N, C-alpha and C. Protein backbone atom coordinates (compact mmCIF):
# COMPACT_ATOMS: atom_id res chain seq x y z
N UNK A 1 98.53 133.19 112.83
CA UNK A 1 99.31 133.72 113.91
C UNK A 1 98.43 134.13 115.02
N UNK A 2 98.73 133.88 116.30
CA UNK A 2 98.13 134.52 117.43
C UNK A 2 98.99 135.16 118.31
N UNK A 3 98.60 136.23 118.87
CA UNK A 3 99.32 136.98 119.89
C UNK A 3 98.52 137.04 121.04
N UNK A 4 99.05 136.49 122.22
CA UNK A 4 98.32 136.59 123.55
C UNK A 4 96.82 135.94 123.31
N UNK A 5 96.78 134.94 122.47
CA UNK A 5 95.53 134.24 122.32
C UNK A 5 94.64 134.98 121.30
N UNK A 6 94.91 136.09 120.86
CA UNK A 6 94.06 136.89 119.78
C UNK A 6 94.82 136.62 118.34
N UNK A 7 93.90 136.20 117.49
CA UNK A 7 94.46 136.06 116.01
C UNK A 7 94.92 137.44 115.57
N UNK A 8 96.00 137.40 114.99
CA UNK A 8 96.79 138.53 114.22
C UNK A 8 96.42 138.45 112.79
N UNK A 9 95.78 139.42 112.11
CA UNK A 9 95.69 139.35 110.63
C UNK A 9 96.30 140.52 110.00
N UNK A 10 96.55 141.58 110.60
CA UNK A 10 97.12 142.76 110.02
C UNK A 10 98.42 142.79 109.44
N UNK A 11 99.43 142.14 110.41
CA UNK A 11 100.88 142.17 110.03
C UNK A 11 101.35 140.80 109.59
N UNK A 12 100.45 139.99 109.12
CA UNK A 12 100.74 138.81 108.59
C UNK A 12 101.27 138.82 107.01
N UNK A 13 102.25 138.20 106.77
CA UNK A 13 102.77 138.38 105.34
C UNK A 13 103.02 136.89 104.87
N UNK A 14 102.73 136.46 103.73
CA UNK A 14 102.95 135.19 103.18
C UNK A 14 103.59 135.15 101.83
N UNK A 15 104.36 134.04 101.56
CA UNK A 15 104.91 133.86 100.22
C UNK A 15 103.91 133.29 99.26
N UNK A 16 104.21 133.08 97.97
CA UNK A 16 103.43 132.26 97.11
C UNK A 16 103.80 130.90 97.39
N UNK A 17 103.17 129.99 96.77
CA UNK A 17 103.46 128.49 96.90
C UNK A 17 104.69 128.17 96.21
N UNK A 18 105.65 127.57 97.04
CA UNK A 18 107.03 127.19 96.55
C UNK A 18 107.20 125.71 96.47
N UNK A 19 107.89 125.26 95.36
CA UNK A 19 108.03 123.95 95.23
C UNK A 19 109.37 123.56 96.03
N UNK A 20 109.30 122.33 96.62
CA UNK A 20 110.52 121.86 97.45
C UNK A 20 111.36 120.99 96.56
N UNK A 21 110.79 120.63 95.37
CA UNK A 21 111.69 119.74 94.44
C UNK A 21 111.56 118.27 94.66
N UNK A 22 110.75 117.81 95.68
CA UNK A 22 110.36 116.49 95.99
C UNK A 22 108.96 116.16 95.90
N UNK A 23 108.22 116.92 95.03
CA UNK A 23 106.79 116.78 94.84
C UNK A 23 105.96 117.39 95.89
N UNK A 24 106.52 118.07 96.84
CA UNK A 24 105.93 118.69 97.99
C UNK A 24 106.15 120.19 97.79
N UNK A 25 105.19 120.92 98.40
CA UNK A 25 105.12 122.40 98.33
C UNK A 25 105.11 123.04 99.75
N UNK A 26 105.30 124.27 99.80
CA UNK A 26 105.43 124.92 101.06
C UNK A 26 104.90 126.49 100.88
N UNK A 27 104.42 127.09 101.86
CA UNK A 27 103.91 128.50 101.89
C UNK A 27 104.61 129.02 103.14
N UNK A 28 105.40 130.05 103.16
CA UNK A 28 106.05 130.63 104.33
C UNK A 28 105.08 131.84 104.77
N UNK A 29 104.67 131.73 106.08
CA UNK A 29 103.78 132.86 106.66
C UNK A 29 104.35 133.36 107.82
N UNK A 30 104.68 134.56 107.81
CA UNK A 30 105.42 135.33 108.79
C UNK A 30 104.67 136.37 109.48
N UNK A 31 104.86 136.64 110.70
CA UNK A 31 104.21 137.85 111.46
C UNK A 31 105.18 138.86 111.84
N UNK A 32 105.12 140.11 111.22
CA UNK A 32 105.92 141.17 111.37
C UNK A 32 105.51 141.84 112.60
N UNK A 33 106.45 141.81 113.58
CA UNK A 33 106.07 142.43 114.85
C UNK A 33 107.45 142.65 115.67
N UNK A 34 107.19 143.47 116.71
CA UNK A 34 108.31 143.67 117.54
C UNK A 34 107.93 142.94 118.89
N UNK A 35 108.43 141.82 119.33
CA UNK A 35 108.08 141.23 120.49
C UNK A 35 108.17 142.10 121.69
N UNK A 36 107.24 142.06 122.62
CA UNK A 36 107.43 142.65 123.81
C UNK A 36 107.39 141.61 124.87
N UNK A 37 108.06 142.07 126.07
CA UNK A 37 108.23 141.13 127.19
C UNK A 37 106.72 140.84 127.72
N UNK A 38 106.54 139.45 127.84
CA UNK A 38 105.18 139.02 128.44
C UNK A 38 104.14 138.59 127.34
N UNK A 39 104.50 139.08 126.15
CA UNK A 39 103.58 138.61 125.02
C UNK A 39 103.98 137.06 124.64
N UNK A 40 103.01 136.49 124.12
CA UNK A 40 103.15 135.07 123.69
C UNK A 40 102.58 134.90 122.37
N UNK A 41 103.39 134.14 121.51
CA UNK A 41 102.95 134.01 120.18
C UNK A 41 102.68 132.60 119.69
N UNK A 42 101.71 132.27 118.89
CA UNK A 42 101.37 130.80 118.52
C UNK A 42 101.28 130.90 117.03
N UNK A 43 101.94 130.01 116.46
CA UNK A 43 101.74 129.67 114.93
C UNK A 43 100.81 128.45 114.90
N UNK A 44 99.74 128.55 114.16
CA UNK A 44 98.97 127.43 113.96
C UNK A 44 98.76 127.10 112.49
N UNK A 45 99.02 125.83 112.16
CA UNK A 45 98.89 125.38 110.75
C UNK A 45 97.71 124.28 110.75
N UNK A 46 96.96 124.55 109.72
CA UNK A 46 95.72 123.80 109.43
C UNK A 46 95.88 123.19 108.12
N UNK A 47 95.73 121.91 107.88
CA UNK A 47 95.81 121.23 106.51
C UNK A 47 94.80 120.21 106.61
N UNK A 48 94.34 119.81 105.29
CA UNK A 48 93.43 118.81 105.05
C UNK A 48 93.87 117.52 105.53
N UNK A 49 95.38 117.26 105.30
CA UNK A 49 96.02 115.92 105.74
C UNK A 49 96.19 115.79 107.27
N UNK A 50 95.92 116.88 108.07
CA UNK A 50 96.00 116.80 109.54
C UNK A 50 94.64 116.59 110.29
N UNK A 51 94.77 115.75 111.25
CA UNK A 51 93.47 115.69 111.83
C UNK A 51 93.16 116.71 112.92
N UNK A 52 94.23 117.38 113.41
CA UNK A 52 94.18 118.45 114.27
C UNK A 52 95.19 119.50 113.90
N UNK A 53 94.94 120.73 113.99
CA UNK A 53 95.99 121.76 113.85
C UNK A 53 97.19 121.46 114.49
N UNK A 54 98.33 121.98 113.96
CA UNK A 54 99.67 121.86 114.63
C UNK A 54 99.95 123.25 115.14
N UNK A 55 100.49 123.33 116.34
CA UNK A 55 100.68 124.61 117.02
C UNK A 55 102.17 124.67 117.53
N UNK A 56 102.72 125.86 117.36
CA UNK A 56 104.00 126.09 117.92
C UNK A 56 103.89 127.40 118.73
N UNK A 57 104.30 127.26 120.04
CA UNK A 57 104.32 128.51 120.95
C UNK A 57 105.59 129.08 121.07
N UNK A 58 105.70 130.41 121.18
CA UNK A 58 106.90 131.15 121.28
C UNK A 58 106.62 132.26 122.16
N UNK A 59 107.68 132.60 123.16
CA UNK A 59 107.62 133.86 123.91
C UNK A 59 109.03 134.40 124.12
N UNK A 60 109.05 135.63 124.31
CA UNK A 60 110.40 136.20 124.30
C UNK A 60 110.89 135.80 125.65
N UNK A 61 112.39 135.49 125.52
CA UNK A 61 113.06 135.08 126.76
C UNK A 61 113.17 136.04 127.79
N UNK A 62 113.20 135.50 128.96
CA UNK A 62 113.26 136.40 130.10
C UNK A 62 114.73 136.90 130.25
N UNK A 63 115.01 137.93 131.12
CA UNK A 63 116.41 138.47 131.13
C UNK A 63 117.29 137.50 131.78
N UNK A 64 116.66 136.64 132.80
CA UNK A 64 117.43 135.62 133.47
C UNK A 64 117.81 134.50 132.42
N UNK A 65 117.00 134.00 131.64
CA UNK A 65 117.36 132.97 130.68
C UNK A 65 118.34 133.53 129.60
N UNK A 66 118.00 134.83 129.11
CA UNK A 66 119.13 135.33 128.33
C UNK A 66 120.45 135.59 129.01
N UNK A 67 120.52 135.85 130.22
CA UNK A 67 121.84 136.13 130.88
C UNK A 67 122.50 134.71 131.08
N UNK A 68 121.80 133.68 131.32
CA UNK A 68 122.41 132.28 131.42
C UNK A 68 122.91 131.87 130.05
N UNK A 69 122.26 132.14 128.99
CA UNK A 69 122.75 131.86 127.61
C UNK A 69 123.94 132.61 127.32
N UNK A 70 124.00 133.89 127.52
CA UNK A 70 125.17 134.49 127.31
C UNK A 70 126.29 134.34 128.02
N UNK A 71 126.14 133.90 129.44
CA UNK A 71 127.19 133.44 130.17
C UNK A 71 127.81 132.02 129.54
N UNK A 72 126.85 131.15 129.19
CA UNK A 72 127.32 129.88 128.60
C UNK A 72 128.12 130.17 127.33
N UNK A 73 127.72 131.00 126.60
CA UNK A 73 128.43 131.33 125.26
C UNK A 73 129.74 132.13 125.56
N UNK A 74 129.73 132.97 126.52
CA UNK A 74 130.97 133.58 126.93
C UNK A 74 131.93 132.73 127.41
N UNK A 75 131.42 131.67 128.32
CA UNK A 75 132.48 130.69 128.71
C UNK A 75 132.97 129.79 127.66
N UNK A 76 132.25 129.45 126.71
CA UNK A 76 132.56 128.60 125.66
C UNK A 76 133.61 129.30 124.83
N UNK A 77 133.32 130.53 124.50
CA UNK A 77 134.34 131.37 123.69
C UNK A 77 135.60 131.68 124.38
N UNK A 78 135.65 131.84 125.74
CA UNK A 78 136.76 131.90 126.52
C UNK A 78 137.49 130.60 126.58
N UNK A 79 136.89 129.50 126.64
CA UNK A 79 137.50 128.23 126.64
C UNK A 79 138.29 127.93 125.16
N UNK A 80 137.57 128.31 124.14
CA UNK A 80 138.19 128.26 122.89
C UNK A 80 139.52 129.17 122.73
N UNK A 81 139.39 130.31 123.36
CA UNK A 81 140.54 131.17 123.31
C UNK A 81 141.83 130.49 124.00
N UNK A 82 141.53 129.96 125.21
CA UNK A 82 142.67 129.36 125.97
C UNK A 82 143.12 128.15 125.24
N UNK A 83 142.25 127.31 124.70
CA UNK A 83 142.66 126.15 124.03
C UNK A 83 143.53 126.51 122.85
N UNK A 84 143.15 127.55 122.08
CA UNK A 84 144.05 128.15 120.88
C UNK A 84 145.29 128.55 121.35
N UNK A 85 145.27 129.27 122.53
CA UNK A 85 146.58 129.87 123.02
C UNK A 85 147.51 128.71 123.55
N UNK A 86 147.00 127.85 124.13
CA UNK A 86 147.69 126.57 124.67
C UNK A 86 148.31 125.84 123.51
N UNK A 87 147.47 125.66 122.35
CA UNK A 87 147.93 124.85 121.21
C UNK A 87 149.06 125.73 120.56
N UNK A 88 148.83 126.88 120.37
CA UNK A 88 149.92 127.78 119.83
C UNK A 88 151.13 127.73 120.53
N UNK A 89 151.13 127.91 121.86
CA UNK A 89 152.30 127.87 122.60
C UNK A 89 153.03 126.41 122.57
N UNK A 90 152.27 125.38 122.58
CA UNK A 90 152.83 124.03 122.51
C UNK A 90 153.42 123.92 121.20
N UNK A 91 152.94 124.30 120.13
CA UNK A 91 153.47 124.05 118.84
C UNK A 91 154.66 124.94 118.49
N UNK A 92 154.57 126.17 119.10
CA UNK A 92 155.85 127.05 118.97
C UNK A 92 157.07 126.38 119.71
N UNK A 93 156.70 125.94 120.88
CA UNK A 93 157.77 125.24 121.68
C UNK A 93 158.39 124.09 120.92
N UNK A 94 157.50 123.30 120.39
CA UNK A 94 157.88 122.04 119.74
C UNK A 94 158.63 122.22 118.52
N UNK A 95 158.29 123.36 117.70
CA UNK A 95 159.09 123.72 116.53
C UNK A 95 160.46 124.44 116.83
N UNK A 96 160.53 125.12 117.92
CA UNK A 96 161.78 125.82 118.25
C UNK A 96 162.69 124.85 118.87
N UNK A 97 162.19 123.53 119.24
CA UNK A 97 163.06 122.66 120.06
C UNK A 97 163.27 122.83 121.43
N UNK A 98 162.31 123.44 121.97
CA UNK A 98 162.34 123.89 123.57
C UNK A 98 162.32 122.82 124.49
N UNK A 99 162.21 121.44 123.94
CA UNK A 99 162.10 120.28 124.70
C UNK A 99 163.57 119.69 125.20
N UNK A 100 164.68 120.33 124.91
CA UNK A 100 166.02 119.83 125.27
C UNK A 100 166.17 119.90 126.62
N UNK A 101 166.91 118.95 127.28
CA UNK A 101 167.41 119.13 128.70
C UNK A 101 168.73 119.85 128.82
N UNK A 102 168.90 120.64 129.84
CA UNK A 102 170.23 121.29 130.08
C UNK A 102 170.21 122.49 129.23
N UNK A 103 171.40 123.15 129.29
CA UNK A 103 171.42 124.27 128.60
C UNK A 103 172.19 124.31 127.26
N UNK A 104 173.46 123.94 127.12
CA UNK A 104 174.30 124.06 126.04
C UNK A 104 174.37 122.89 125.21
N UNK A 105 173.47 122.08 125.06
CA UNK A 105 173.45 120.90 124.22
C UNK A 105 173.92 119.60 124.76
N UNK A 106 174.46 119.64 125.93
CA UNK A 106 174.78 118.38 126.77
C UNK A 106 173.74 118.00 127.77
N UNK A 107 173.56 116.80 128.08
CA UNK A 107 172.60 116.40 128.72
C UNK A 107 172.66 116.76 130.16
N UNK A 108 173.79 116.83 130.73
CA UNK A 108 173.96 117.18 132.17
C UNK A 108 174.34 118.68 132.34
N UNK A 109 174.70 119.31 131.23
CA UNK A 109 174.88 120.82 131.37
C UNK A 109 176.35 120.95 131.57
N UNK A 110 177.21 119.92 131.89
CA UNK A 110 178.67 120.27 132.20
C UNK A 110 179.44 120.20 130.75
N UNK A 111 180.71 120.57 130.98
CA UNK A 111 181.46 120.75 129.74
C UNK A 111 181.74 119.32 129.08
N UNK A 112 182.49 119.34 128.03
CA UNK A 112 182.75 117.94 127.23
C UNK A 112 183.74 117.27 128.17
N UNK A 113 183.59 115.94 128.01
CA UNK A 113 184.43 115.09 128.80
C UNK A 113 185.50 114.63 127.96
N UNK A 114 186.93 114.59 128.36
CA UNK A 114 187.94 114.06 127.41
C UNK A 114 187.94 112.68 127.18
């Protein structure tokens, strides 16, 4: 693990070798830290089967990115609520027979014709 380009060794925790069940194995290596705004983190994996190390970069989202994400999630949830409410009202009206024309059972609303 690297933090801002400097290798981290103190707060690195790893598991024992674990079998995946398909004749492959894995080791989970974690960096225990509290991310600070502006810090960048890099996970680097080296293995004899790789020609070059594999790296994955990560940095804390900015407030603007987090705000956009929360706005999107909020809009999605609100949309689901309105969809559920609409379906509920539609099904309730359909079950109660609210689709009849006129008031008292006749199509035109007038009394019975002799």
